[in-house]
């Protein structure tokens, strides 16, 4: 039997090797995804799935367990959570509420529909499959928690992935592109609030504990808005240029501290990181000093999150019934988000082309969906089979956006060229008499 020191050394080197393998495979798949005009996150999600039991596990020798043994996975999971907390902080810091304020009248119906339709359809699907997936690891999940959670999972839009697709397609100055960014930001904030409610319902032991948790959550929000936010403005305004490099350390301390606090309250740590990002000052000096490094640090560690997620995805567990459920999940997700956005957009005056473009953009889920799915898996709300089906849904809905948008926009350009040609006067050629 190896000594504790030797075992510790083995564990350290195994984790380091796992990190190296994760980063190598992740960047390889990301480059491949970019070459076929897909967001990098599509390749990174696929890399995580391939390194798990769904593909690597099919080879002889139980390779996933050799590369990522159970003890090493715990350490990889910790590093992945660090990257995830930094990512959620960056998303919160990047959120600009003013982008939505100027369009409230014209987009209110679209926004409500973009949340209500997928939420209702997701809850309806959850009610239908509750009898099959309502028991996780021998423990029965509450009907309310299960249906509300699945509805929230269907309602999400991946704001970072959406922003990248909008830029790649050159839609940032178009009405659908600008509107999609505003809607996605508002959607995600509301979805995080609803998910926080689900987490509180699941983790609280009894009505009294649930009420106590909500009260502490309100105290936390009030403290962040009325104490921490003004304090951060005063502190950062007095920081000289020579002290700007330390702003990143201050921001990281705040993000991790806020994440720890919400976790102690009983709400997931990601909410604390996200909310601290919301209250961070957004002046140019602060953003230049800390935003880029924090974003790069999160990007470096996020492939670990994809691998940890991929190790939990096992497509071999999906039965014939599970395959039908996976197809139903994909269909419901697309109908709820794409239809729930495109139809009200058309009814409020947008033409079908722009309405469809807006719906396709809002149907992207990507990394944000994986964050929510991992929360559900750790809370015991999802079986491995249903979790795997939901991850595939996130991958499909994200991957379908770019090619469908390219096709739609290319047809738009062709029609515009045809209309331009048809609008030109026809030159009459005079022929000499024979």
Protein backbone atom coordinates (compact mmCIF):
# COMPACT_ATOMS: atom_id res chain seq x y z
CA UNK A 1 0.00 0.00 0.00
CA UNK A 2 1.40 3.41 -0.97
CA UNK A 3 2.31 5.85 1.76
CA UNK A 4 0.15 8.98 2.25
CA UNK A 5 2.93 11.11 0.76
CA UNK A 6 3.18 8.89 -2.34
CA UNK A 7 -0.59 8.85 -2.72
CA UNK A 8 -0.73 12.63 -2.44
CA UNK A 9 1.99 12.94 -5.08
CA UNK A 10 0.10 10.55 -7.38
CA UNK A 11 -3.11 12.53 -6.93
CA UNK A 12 -1.38 15.84 -7.67
CA UNK A 13 0.29 14.58 -10.83
CA UNK A 14 -2.95 12.89 -11.98
CA UNK A 15 -4.90 16.13 -11.60
CA UNK A 16 -2.18 18.05 -13.45
CA UNK A 17 -2.26 15.50 -16.26
CA UNK A 18 -6.05 15.70 -16.38
CA UNK A 19 -5.89 19.48 -16.67
CA UNK A 20 -3.37 19.23 -19.52
CA UNK A 21 -5.52 16.68 -21.38
CA UNK A 22 -8.65 18.74 -20.82
CA UNK A 23 -7.11 21.95 -22.15
CA UNK A 24 -5.59 20.18 -25.18
CA UNK A 25 -8.79 18.42 -26.22
CA UNK A 26 -10.91 21.47 -25.42
CA UNK A 27 -8.88 23.87 -27.56
CA UNK A 28 -8.69 21.30 -30.40
CA UNK A 29 -12.45 20.92 -30.50
CA UNK A 30 -12.94 24.68 -30.13
CA UNK A 31 -10.71 25.34 -33.15
CA UNK A 32 -12.62 22.71 -35.10
CA UNK A 33 -15.91 24.33 -34.17
CA UNK A 34 -14.70 27.75 -35.29
CA UNK A 35 -13.59 26.29 -38.64
CA UNK A 36 -17.14 25.14 -39.35
CA UNK A 37 -18.45 28.54 -38.21
CA UNK A 38 -19.74 27.37 -34.85
CA UNK A 39 -19.18 29.09 -31.48
CA UNK A 40 -16.19 27.71 -29.59
CA UNK A 41 -18.52 26.59 -26.80
CA UNK A 42 -20.08 24.00 -29.14
CA UNK A 43 -16.68 22.37 -29.59
CA UNK A 44 -15.91 22.57 -25.87
CA UNK A 45 -19.22 20.94 -24.93
CA UNK A 46 -18.58 18.20 -27.49
CA UNK A 47 -15.06 17.72 -26.08
CA UNK A 48 -16.43 17.22 -22.60
CA UNK A 49 -18.94 14.64 -23.81
CA UNK A 50 -16.29 12.79 -25.83
CA UNK A 51 -13.93 12.54 -22.82
CA UNK A 52 -16.67 10.96 -20.74
CA UNK A 53 -18.34 7.55 -20.82
CA UNK A 54 -20.35 8.45 -23.93
CA UNK A 55 -17.33 8.03 -26.27
CA UNK A 56 -14.02 7.47 -24.46
CA UNK A 57 -15.77 5.05 -22.13
CA UNK A 58 -16.74 2.84 -25.06
CA UNK A 59 -13.07 1.98 -25.66
CA UNK A 60 -11.52 -0.90 -23.72
CA UNK A 61 -9.69 -0.21 -20.47
CA UNK A 62 -12.15 2.20 -18.79
CA UNK A 63 -10.15 5.20 -20.02
CA UNK A 64 -12.28 7.94 -18.39
CA UNK A 65 -11.58 6.41 -14.99
CA UNK A 66 -7.86 6.15 -15.75
CA UNK A 67 -7.52 9.72 -16.97
CA UNK A 68 -9.98 11.16 -14.45
CA UNK A 69 -10.19 8.86 -11.40
CA UNK A 70 -12.82 9.58 -8.77
CA UNK A 71 -10.40 11.27 -6.37
CA UNK A 72 -9.02 13.51 -9.12
CA UNK A 73 -12.50 14.50 -10.30
CA UNK A 74 -13.19 16.20 -6.99
CA UNK A 75 -10.14 18.43 -7.47
CA UNK A 76 -11.00 19.07 -11.12
CA UNK A 77 -14.49 19.97 -9.99
CA UNK A 78 -13.10 22.54 -7.56
CA UNK A 79 -10.98 24.15 -10.28
CA UNK A 80 -14.02 24.09 -12.59
CA UNK A 81 -16.08 25.89 -9.93
CA UNK A 82 -13.41 28.59 -9.71
CA UNK A 83 -13.67 29.14 -13.46
CA UNK A 84 -17.46 29.08 -13.26
CA UNK A 85 -17.57 31.68 -10.48
CA UNK A 86 -15.26 33.97 -12.47
CA UNK A 87 -17.44 33.44 -15.55
CA UNK A 88 -20.65 34.31 -13.69
CA UNK A 89 -18.98 37.40 -12.22
CA UNK A 90 -17.92 38.56 -15.70
CA UNK A 91 -21.46 38.00 -17.03
CA UNK A 92 -22.90 40.08 -14.21
CA UNK A 93 -20.33 42.83 -14.73
CA UNK A 94 -20.98 42.85 -18.46
CA UNK A 95 -24.76 43.13 -18.06
CA UNK A 96 -26.06 46.54 -19.10
CA UNK A 97 -29.62 47.20 -17.99
CA UNK A 98 -29.81 50.42 -20.00
CA UNK A 99 -29.83 48.39 -23.24
CA UNK A 100 -33.36 47.28 -22.40
CA UNK A 101 -34.77 50.47 -20.94
CA UNK A 102 -35.21 52.29 -24.23
CA UNK A 103 -37.27 49.53 -25.82
CA UNK A 104 -39.71 48.67 -23.07
CA UNK A 105 -42.88 49.62 -24.93
CA UNK A 106 -42.05 47.87 -28.19
CA UNK A 107 -40.52 44.72 -26.69
CA UNK A 108 -42.45 44.12 -23.47
CA UNK A 109 -44.78 41.57 -25.09
CA UNK A 110 -41.87 39.77 -26.78
CA UNK A 111 -39.93 39.61 -23.53
CA UNK A 112 -42.84 38.23 -21.52
CA UNK A 113 -43.56 35.67 -24.22
CA UNK A 114 -39.88 34.66 -24.48
CA UNK A 115 -40.01 33.62 -20.81
CA UNK A 116 -43.64 32.52 -20.43
CA UNK A 117 -43.86 30.21 -23.48
CA UNK A 118 -40.77 28.04 -22.81
CA UNK A 119 -41.54 28.09 -19.09
CA UNK A 120 -45.10 26.84 -19.65
CA UNK A 121 -44.11 24.24 -22.25
CA UNK A 122 -41.19 23.05 -20.11
CA UNK A 123 -43.41 22.67 -17.06
CA UNK A 124 -45.98 20.82 -19.18
CA UNK A 125 -43.34 18.39 -20.46
CA UNK A 126 -42.02 17.95 -16.92
CA UNK A 127 -45.51 17.02 -15.71
CA UNK A 128 -45.77 14.38 -18.46
CA UNK A 129 -42.42 12.72 -17.67
CA UNK A 130 -42.56 13.15 -13.90
CA UNK A 131 -43.72 9.57 -13.42
CA UNK A 132 -40.56 8.31 -15.15
CA UNK A 133 -37.96 10.81 -13.94
CA UNK A 134 -39.48 11.98 -10.66
CA UNK A 135 -37.30 9.64 -8.60
CA UNK A 136 -33.55 10.32 -8.54
CA UNK A 137 -31.16 7.93 -6.77
CA UNK A 138 -34.06 6.35 -4.92
CA UNK A 139 -35.36 9.71 -3.62
CA UNK A 140 -38.62 11.20 -4.88
CA UNK A 141 -38.36 14.75 -6.19
CA UNK A 142 -41.14 17.19 -5.37
CA UNK A 143 -43.54 17.78 -8.27
CA UNK A 144 -43.37 21.58 -7.92
CA UNK A 145 -39.58 21.66 -7.80
CA UNK A 146 -39.22 19.30 -10.75
CA UNK A 147 -41.67 21.08 -13.06
CA UNK A 148 -40.52 24.58 -12.13
CA UNK A 149 -36.86 23.63 -12.58
CA UNK A 150 -37.42 22.09 -16.02
CA UNK A 151 -39.43 25.14 -17.07
CA UNK A 152 -36.60 27.46 -16.01
CA UNK A 153 -34.05 25.28 -17.83
CA UNK A 154 -36.06 25.65 -21.04
CA UNK A 155 -36.32 29.44 -20.63
CA UNK A 156 -32.62 30.30 -20.58
CA UNK A 157 -30.68 32.04 -23.36
CA UNK A 158 -26.87 31.97 -23.36
CA UNK A 159 -26.01 35.66 -23.47
CA UNK A 160 -22.22 35.24 -24.11
CA UNK A 161 -22.76 32.77 -26.95
CA UNK A 162 -25.52 34.93 -28.38
CA UNK A 163 -23.24 37.99 -28.37
CA UNK A 164 -20.57 36.04 -30.27
CA UNK A 165 -23.06 34.80 -32.89
CA UNK A 166 -24.46 38.31 -33.35
CA UNK A 167 -20.94 39.66 -33.94
CA UNK A 168 -19.99 36.80 -36.30
CA UNK A 169 -23.12 37.33 -38.40
CA UNK A 170 -22.66 41.12 -38.47
CA UNK A 171 -26.03 41.69 -36.77
CA UNK A 172 -24.90 43.94 -33.93
CA UNK A 173 -26.29 47.05 -35.63
CA UNK A 174 -29.49 45.42 -36.90
CA UNK A 175 -32.78 45.55 -35.05
CA UNK A 176 -32.95 41.75 -34.39
CA UNK A 177 -29.33 41.67 -33.20
CA UNK A 178 -29.58 44.59 -30.79
CA UNK A 179 -33.01 43.48 -29.56
CA UNK A 180 -31.85 39.90 -28.97
CA UNK A 181 -29.02 41.07 -26.72
CA UNK A 182 -31.38 43.20 -24.64
CA UNK A 183 -33.97 40.42 -24.39
CA UNK A 184 -31.38 37.77 -23.53
CA UNK A 185 -29.94 39.91 -20.74
CA UNK A 186 -33.39 40.51 -19.24
CA UNK A 187 -34.35 36.84 -19.75
CA UNK A 188 -31.31 35.55 -17.94
CA UNK A 189 -31.69 37.85 -14.94
CA UNK A 190 -35.29 36.68 -14.47
CA UNK A 191 -34.30 33.04 -15.06
CA UNK A 192 -31.55 33.26 -12.42
CA UNK A 193 -34.07 34.68 -9.96
CA UNK A 194 -36.48 31.79 -10.65
CA UNK A 195 -33.66 29.26 -10.36
CA UNK A 196 -32.69 30.78 -7.01
CA UNK A 197 -36.28 30.14 -5.89
CA UNK A 198 -36.04 26.50 -7.03
CA UNK A 199 -32.73 26.05 -5.17
CA UNK A 200 -34.29 27.53 -2.05
CA UNK A 201 -37.29 25.19 -2.33
CA UNK A 202 -35.06 22.13 -2.71
CA UNK A 203 -32.43 22.91 -0.07
CA UNK A 204 -34.71 24.33 2.63
CA UNK A 205 -35.89 21.77 5.19
CA UNK A 206 -39.45 22.83 5.87
CA UNK A 207 -41.49 26.00 5.47
CA UNK A 208 -39.75 27.81 8.33
CA UNK A 209 -36.30 27.18 6.89
CA UNK A 210 -37.49 28.29 3.44
CA UNK A 211 -38.86 31.58 4.80
CA UNK A 212 -35.65 32.16 6.77
CA UNK A 213 -33.59 31.56 3.65
CA UNK A 214 -35.67 34.04 1.66
CA UNK A 215 -35.33 36.67 4.39
CA UNK A 216 -31.54 36.27 4.44
CA UNK A 217 -31.56 36.47 0.64
CA UNK A 218 -33.43 39.78 0.83
CA UNK A 219 -30.94 41.06 3.41
CA UNK A 220 -28.11 40.02 1.11
CA UNK A 221 -29.62 41.82 -1.91
CA UNK A 222 -30.33 44.95 0.12
CA UNK A 223 -26.80 44.98 1.53
CA UNK A 224 -25.25 44.55 -1.90
CA UNK A 225 -27.34 47.31 -3.47
CA UNK A 226 -27.29 49.90 -0.67
CA UNK A 227 -23.95 49.26 1.04
CA UNK A 228 -21.55 47.33 -1.19
CA UNK A 229 -22.39 49.07 -4.47
CA UNK A 230 -21.89 52.67 -3.19
CA UNK A 231 -18.79 51.56 -1.27
CA UNK A 232 -17.25 50.03 -4.40
CA UNK A 233 -17.88 53.25 -6.32
CA UNK A 234 -16.11 55.33 -3.69
CA UNK A 235 -13.18 52.96 -3.33
CA UNK A 236 -12.56 52.47 -7.05
CA UNK A 237 -12.90 56.20 -7.75
CA UNK A 238 -10.03 56.91 -5.35
CA UNK A 239 -7.70 54.25 -6.73
CA UNK A 240 -4.71 55.91 -8.45
CA UNK A 241 -3.48 54.67 -11.81
CA UNK A 242 -0.59 52.88 -10.10
CA UNK A 243 -3.09 50.82 -8.10
CA UNK A 244 -5.26 49.73 -11.03
CA UNK A 245 -3.56 46.29 -11.38
CA UNK A 246 -4.85 45.45 -7.90
CA UNK A 247 -8.46 46.09 -8.94
CA UNK A 248 -8.53 42.57 -10.40
CA UNK A 249 -7.57 41.13 -7.01
CA UNK A 250 -10.28 43.22 -5.33
CA UNK A 251 -12.85 42.06 -7.87
CA UNK A 252 -11.86 38.40 -7.46
CA UNK A 253 -12.04 38.67 -3.66
CA UNK A 254 -15.50 40.19 -3.91
CA UNK A 255 -16.73 37.57 -6.38
CA UNK A 256 -15.52 34.63 -4.29
CA UNK A 257 -16.63 36.20 -1.04
CA UNK A 258 -20.10 36.92 -2.40
CA UNK A 259 -20.30 33.38 -3.80
CA UNK A 260 -19.39 31.97 -0.38
CA UNK A 261 -22.01 34.14 1.31
CA UNK A 262 -24.89 33.07 -0.94
CA UNK A 263 -23.81 29.46 -0.54
CA UNK A 264 -23.96 29.87 3.25
CA UNK A 265 -27.43 31.38 2.94
CA UNK A 266 -28.54 28.29 1.04
CA UNK A 267 -28.53 29.68 -2.49
CA UNK A 268 -26.00 28.42 -5.03
CA UNK A 269 -22.59 30.12 -5.14
CA UNK A 270 -23.05 31.19 -8.78
CA UNK A 271 -25.72 33.69 -7.74
CA UNK A 272 -23.32 35.47 -5.41
CA UNK A 273 -20.69 35.78 -8.12
CA UNK A 274 -23.25 37.01 -10.64
CA UNK A 275 -24.74 39.56 -8.26
CA UNK A 276 -21.35 40.95 -7.26
CA UNK A 277 -20.71 41.50 -10.97
CA UNK A 278 -23.98 43.43 -11.19
CA UNK A 279 -22.93 45.87 -8.46
CA UNK A 280 -19.37 46.40 -9.73
CA UNK A 281 -18.67 49.90 -11.14
CA UNK A 282 -18.60 49.99 -14.93
CA UNK A 283 -16.37 52.98 -15.55
CA UNK A 284 -13.74 52.64 -18.25
CA UNK A 285 -10.72 52.49 -15.95
CA UNK A 286 -12.09 49.60 -13.93
CA UNK A 287 -13.16 47.64 -17.01
CA UNK A 288 -9.79 48.07 -18.71
CA UNK A 289 -7.87 47.09 -15.60
CA UNK A 290 -9.79 44.01 -14.52
CA UNK A 291 -12.44 42.87 -16.99
CA UNK A 292 -10.10 41.42 -19.62
CA UNK A 293 -7.88 39.46 -17.19
CA UNK A 294 -10.91 38.10 -15.31
CA UNK A 295 -12.56 37.04 -18.56
CA UNK A 296 -9.37 35.33 -19.76
CA UNK A 297 -8.98 33.50 -16.45
CA UNK A 298 -12.53 32.18 -16.70
CA UNK A 299 -11.97 31.06 -20.29
CA UNK A 300 -8.83 29.19 -19.24
CA UNK A 301 -10.62 27.23 -16.52
CA UNK A 302 -14.00 26.70 -18.19
CA UNK A 303 -12.84 23.68 -20.28
CA UNK A 304 -12.50 21.89 -16.94
CA UNK A 305 -16.16 22.63 -16.32
CA UNK A 306 -17.08 21.08 -19.68
CA UNK A 307 -15.10 17.92 -18.91
CA UNK A 308 -16.61 17.57 -15.44
CA UNK A 309 -20.02 17.99 -17.09
CA UNK A 310 -19.11 15.51 -19.83
CA UNK A 311 -18.09 12.90 -17.26
CA UNK A 312 -21.65 13.07 -15.92
CA UNK A 313 -23.18 12.67 -19.39
CA UNK A 314 -23.66 9.05 -20.36
CA UNK A 315 -25.50 8.66 -23.65
CA UNK A 316 -25.32 4.88 -23.30
CA UNK A 317 -27.91 5.12 -20.51
CA UNK A 318 -30.51 6.58 -22.87
CA UNK A 319 -33.12 3.92 -23.61
CA UNK A 320 -35.65 3.90 -26.44
CA UNK A 321 -38.05 5.82 -24.23
CA UNK A 322 -35.24 8.14 -23.21
CA UNK A 323 -34.50 8.85 -26.87
CA UNK A 324 -38.10 9.90 -27.38
CA UNK A 325 -37.88 12.11 -24.30
CA UNK A 326 -34.66 13.67 -25.65
CA UNK A 327 -36.37 14.45 -28.97
CA UNK A 328 -39.35 15.88 -27.08
CA UNK A 329 -36.99 18.05 -25.00
CA UNK A 330 -35.36 19.43 -28.16
CA UNK A 331 -38.70 20.08 -29.87
CA UNK A 332 -40.24 21.73 -26.81
CA UNK A 333 -37.13 23.87 -26.30
CA UNK A 334 -37.22 25.10 -29.90
CA UNK A 335 -40.97 25.66 -29.98
CA UNK A 336 -40.97 27.48 -26.67
CA UNK A 337 -38.09 29.83 -27.37
CA UNK A 338 -38.12 30.22 -31.14
CA UNK A 339 -41.90 30.29 -31.46
CA UNK A 340 -42.34 32.23 -28.24
CA UNK A 341 -40.17 35.02 -29.67
CA UNK A 342 -40.81 34.98 -33.42
CA UNK A 343 -44.62 34.94 -33.31
CA UNK A 344 -45.10 37.87 -30.87
CA UNK A 345 -42.34 39.76 -32.72
CA UNK A 346 -44.32 39.38 -35.94
CA UNK A 347 -47.57 40.35 -34.23
CA UNK A 348 -45.98 43.53 -32.87
CA UNK A 349 -44.96 44.73 -36.33
CA UNK A 350 -41.68 43.03 -37.19
CA UNK A 351 -41.49 41.31 -40.58
CA UNK A 352 -41.18 37.53 -40.69
CA UNK A 353 -37.50 37.57 -41.67
CA UNK A 354 -36.43 39.71 -38.74
CA UNK A 355 -38.81 37.89 -36.38
CA UNK A 356 -37.35 34.51 -37.37
CA UNK A 357 -33.81 35.88 -36.99
CA UNK A 358 -34.67 37.11 -33.51
CA UNK A 359 -36.18 33.74 -32.59
CA UNK A 360 -33.14 31.80 -33.80
CA UNK A 361 -30.82 34.03 -31.83
CA UNK A 362 -32.85 33.67 -28.63
CA UNK A 363 -32.90 29.86 -29.02
CA UNK A 364 -29.16 29.56 -28.30
CA UNK A 365 -28.37 28.11 -24.86
CA UNK A 366 -24.74 26.99 -24.69
CA UNK A 367 -22.69 27.32 -21.52
CA UNK A 368 -25.39 29.07 -19.47
CA UNK A 369 -27.67 26.08 -19.93
CA UNK A 370 -24.92 23.73 -18.73
CA UNK A 371 -24.54 25.81 -15.57
CA UNK A 372 -28.24 25.40 -14.80
CA UNK A 373 -28.17 21.68 -15.64
CA UNK A 374 -25.23 21.09 -13.32
CA UNK A 375 -27.13 22.83 -10.53
CA UNK A 376 -30.07 20.51 -11.15
CA UNK A 377 -27.83 17.43 -11.20
CA UNK A 378 -26.11 18.34 -7.92
CA UNK A 379 -29.44 19.12 -6.27
CA UNK A 380 -30.73 15.67 -7.23
CA UNK A 381 -33.42 16.99 -9.59
CA UNK A 382 -32.17 15.14 -12.69
CA UNK A 383 -31.36 11.52 -13.42
CA UNK A 384 -28.26 10.79 -15.52
CA UNK A 385 -30.49 9.94 -18.48
CA UNK A 386 -32.52 13.15 -18.33
CA UNK A 387 -29.38 15.21 -17.64
CA UNK A 388 -27.73 13.70 -20.74
CA UNK A 389 -30.82 14.48 -22.83
CA UNK A 390 -30.84 18.09 -21.63
CA UNK A 391 -27.12 18.52 -22.41
CA UNK A 392 -27.72 17.27 -25.96
CA UNK A 393 -30.58 19.79 -26.23
CA UNK A 394 -28.20 22.59 -25.21
CA UNK A 395 -25.69 21.43 -27.81
CA UNK A 396 -28.27 21.11 -30.62
CA UNK A 397 -30.01 24.44 -30.01
CA UNK A 398 -26.68 26.25 -29.90
CA UNK A 399 -25.23 24.49 -32.97
CA UNK A 400 -28.32 25.05 -35.13
CA UNK A 401 -28.29 28.85 -34.76
CA UNK A 402 -25.27 29.73 -36.93
CA UNK A 403 -26.09 27.62 -40.05
CA UNK A 404 -29.78 28.55 -40.01
CA UNK A 405 -28.95 32.22 -39.64
CA UNK A 406 -26.40 32.03 -42.46
CA UNK A 407 -28.99 30.41 -44.74
CA UNK A 408 -31.66 32.94 -43.81
CA UNK A 409 -29.35 35.93 -44.30
CA UNK A 410 -27.95 34.61 -47.60
CA UNK A 411 -31.49 34.24 -48.97
CA UNK A 412 -32.19 37.77 -47.80
CA UNK A 413 -29.19 39.06 -49.75
CA UNK A 414 -30.23 37.10 -52.86
CA UNK A 415 -33.75 38.55 -52.73
CA UNK A 416 -32.37 42.04 -52.25
CA UNK A 417 -30.15 41.61 -55.32
CA UNK A 418 -33.08 40.29 -57.38
CA UNK A 419 -35.25 43.22 -56.34
CA UNK A 420 -32.45 45.62 -57.24
CA UNK A 421 -32.06 44.05 -60.68
CA UNK A 422 -35.81 44.02 -61.31
CA UNK A 423 -36.10 47.67 -60.30
CA UNK A 424 -33.58 48.81 -62.93
CA UNK A 425 -35.06 50.19 -66.21
CA UNK A 426 -34.79 47.82 -69.16
CA UNK A 427 -32.79 49.25 -72.07
CA UNK A 428 -34.63 48.98 -75.42
CA UNK A 429 -32.38 48.04 -78.29
CA UNK A 430 -33.21 49.76 -81.58
CA UNK A 431 -32.68 47.58 -84.61
CA UNK A 432 -32.23 48.89 -88.14
CA UNK A 433 -34.98 48.00 -90.70
CA UNK A 434 -34.12 45.20 -93.08
